[in-house]
């Protein structure tokens, strides 16, 4: 199992990829790096999330899905 360093943001059943992108953007602003999605409604990765994430594309790219 991969060792996870904290803090980690976990979104459970996120509905809209735009909201995930905005979370990534807020995370970038706060210096957070790890995002985990649990059962996202939309297929992941999603271009809509990239579109609204501004400079947080690396967070979107490295997001884990379970």
C-alpha atoms as a PDB file:
ATOM      1  CA  UNK A   1       0.000   0.000   0.000  1.00  0.00           C
ATOM      2  CA  UNK A   2       1.245   3.480  -0.862  1.00  0.00           C
ATOM      3  CA  UNK A   3       2.294   5.559   2.098  1.00  0.00           C
ATOM      4  CA  UNK A   4       0.313   8.817   2.121  1.00  0.00           C
ATOM      5  CA  UNK A   5       1.667  11.975   3.708  1.00  0.00           C
ATOM      6  CA  UNK A   6      -0.881  14.264   5.281  1.00  0.00           C
ATOM      7  CA  UNK A   7      -2.863  16.406   4.799  1.00  0.00           C
ATOM      8  CA  UNK A   8      -4.883  14.766   2.052  1.00  0.00           C
ATOM      9  CA  UNK A   9      -8.166  16.076   0.653  1.00  0.00           C
ATOM     10  CA  UNK A  10     -10.744  13.340  -0.023  1.00  0.00           C
ATOM     11  CA  UNK A  11     -13.926  14.018  -1.997  1.00  0.00           C
ATOM     12  CA  UNK A  12     -16.605  11.346  -1.695  1.00  0.00           C
ATOM     13  CA  UNK A  13     -19.090  11.029  -4.569  1.00  0.00           C
ATOM     14  CA  UNK A  14     -18.190  14.361  -6.204  1.00  0.00           C
ATOM     15  CA  UNK A  15     -20.853  15.284  -8.731  1.00  0.00           C
ATOM     16  CA  UNK A  16     -19.388  17.929 -11.024  1.00  0.00           C
ATOM     17  CA  UNK A  17     -15.879  17.952 -12.510  1.00  0.00           C
ATOM     18  CA  UNK A  18     -15.899  21.751 -12.328  1.00  0.00           C
ATOM     19  CA  UNK A  19     -16.166  21.565  -8.546  1.00  0.00           C
ATOM     20  CA  UNK A  20     -13.255  19.128  -8.416  1.00  0.00           C
ATOM     21  CA  UNK A  21     -11.193  21.574 -10.471  1.00  0.00           C
ATOM     22  CA  UNK A  22     -12.074  24.403  -8.113  1.00  0.00           C
ATOM     23  CA  UNK A  23     -11.076  22.279  -5.125  1.00  0.00           C
ATOM     24  CA  UNK A  24      -7.718  21.617  -6.813  1.00  0.00           C
ATOM     25  CA  UNK A  25      -7.306  25.349  -7.386  1.00  0.00           C
ATOM     26  CA  UNK A  26      -8.018  26.103  -3.705  1.00  0.00           C
ATOM     27  CA  UNK A  27      -5.622  23.342  -2.684  1.00  0.00           C
ATOM     28  CA  UNK A  28      -2.874  24.875  -4.828  1.00  0.00           C
ATOM     29  CA  UNK A  29      -3.447  28.247  -3.170  1.00  0.00           C
ATOM     30  CA  UNK A  30      -3.055  26.638   0.271  1.00  0.00           C
ATOM     31  CA  UNK A  31      -0.022  24.520  -0.603  1.00  0.00           C
ATOM     32  CA  UNK A  32      -1.848  21.174  -0.488  1.00  0.00           C
ATOM     33  CA  UNK A  33      -0.860  18.515  -3.012  1.00  0.00           C
ATOM     34  CA  UNK A  34      -2.814  15.268  -2.540  1.00  0.00           C
ATOM     35  CA  UNK A  35      -6.393  14.810  -3.783  1.00  0.00           C
ATOM     36  CA  UNK A  36      -8.336  11.555  -3.671  1.00  0.00           C
ATOM     37  CA  UNK A  37     -11.726  10.998  -5.316  1.00  0.00           C
ATOM     38  CA  UNK A  38     -14.048   8.269  -4.109  1.00  0.00           C
ATOM     39  CA  UNK A  39     -16.691   7.211  -6.646  1.00  0.00           C
ATOM     40  CA  UNK A  40     -16.812  10.341  -8.817  1.00  0.00           C
ATOM     41  CA  UNK A  41     -19.964  10.613 -10.925  1.00  0.00           C
ATOM     42  CA  UNK A  42     -18.133  11.655 -14.106  1.00  0.00           C
ATOM     43  CA  UNK A  43     -15.330   9.803 -15.876  1.00  0.00           C
ATOM     44  CA  UNK A  44     -11.927  10.785 -14.548  1.00  0.00           C
ATOM     45  CA  UNK A  45      -9.748  12.585 -15.572  1.00  0.00           C
ATOM     46  CA  UNK A  46     -12.134  15.172 -16.974  1.00  0.00           C
ATOM     47  CA  UNK A  47     -11.313  18.163 -19.185  1.00  0.00           C
ATOM     48  CA  UNK A  48     -13.849  20.364 -17.373  1.00  0.00           C
ATOM     49  CA  UNK A  49     -11.862  19.968 -14.155  1.00  0.00           C
ATOM     50  CA  UNK A  50      -8.660  21.004 -15.937  1.00  0.00           C
ATOM     51  CA  UNK A  51     -10.409  24.030 -17.461  1.00  0.00           C
ATOM     52  CA  UNK A  52     -11.340  25.591 -14.112  1.00  0.00           C
ATOM     53  CA  UNK A  53      -8.302  24.513 -12.106  1.00  0.00           C
ATOM     54  CA  UNK A  54      -6.092  27.410 -13.322  1.00  0.00           C
ATOM     55  CA  UNK A  55      -2.501  26.503 -12.431  1.00  0.00           C
ATOM     56  CA  UNK A  56      -3.436  23.439 -10.386  1.00  0.00           C
ATOM     57  CA  UNK A  57      -3.208  21.005 -13.308  1.00  0.00           C
ATOM     58  CA  UNK A  58      -0.529  18.971 -11.535  1.00  0.00           C
ATOM     59  CA  UNK A  59      -2.964  18.257  -8.700  1.00  0.00           C
ATOM     60  CA  UNK A  60      -5.618  17.131 -11.199  1.00  0.00           C
ATOM     61  CA  UNK A  61      -3.064  14.990 -13.017  1.00  0.00           C
ATOM     62  CA  UNK A  62      -1.931  13.278  -9.797  1.00  0.00           C
ATOM     63  CA  UNK A  63      -5.417  12.749  -8.347  1.00  0.00           C
ATOM     64  CA  UNK A  64      -6.051   9.206  -7.176  1.00  0.00           C
ATOM     65  CA  UNK A  65      -9.451   7.603  -7.781  1.00  0.00           C
ATOM     66  CA  UNK A  66     -10.864   4.781  -5.682  1.00  0.00           C
END
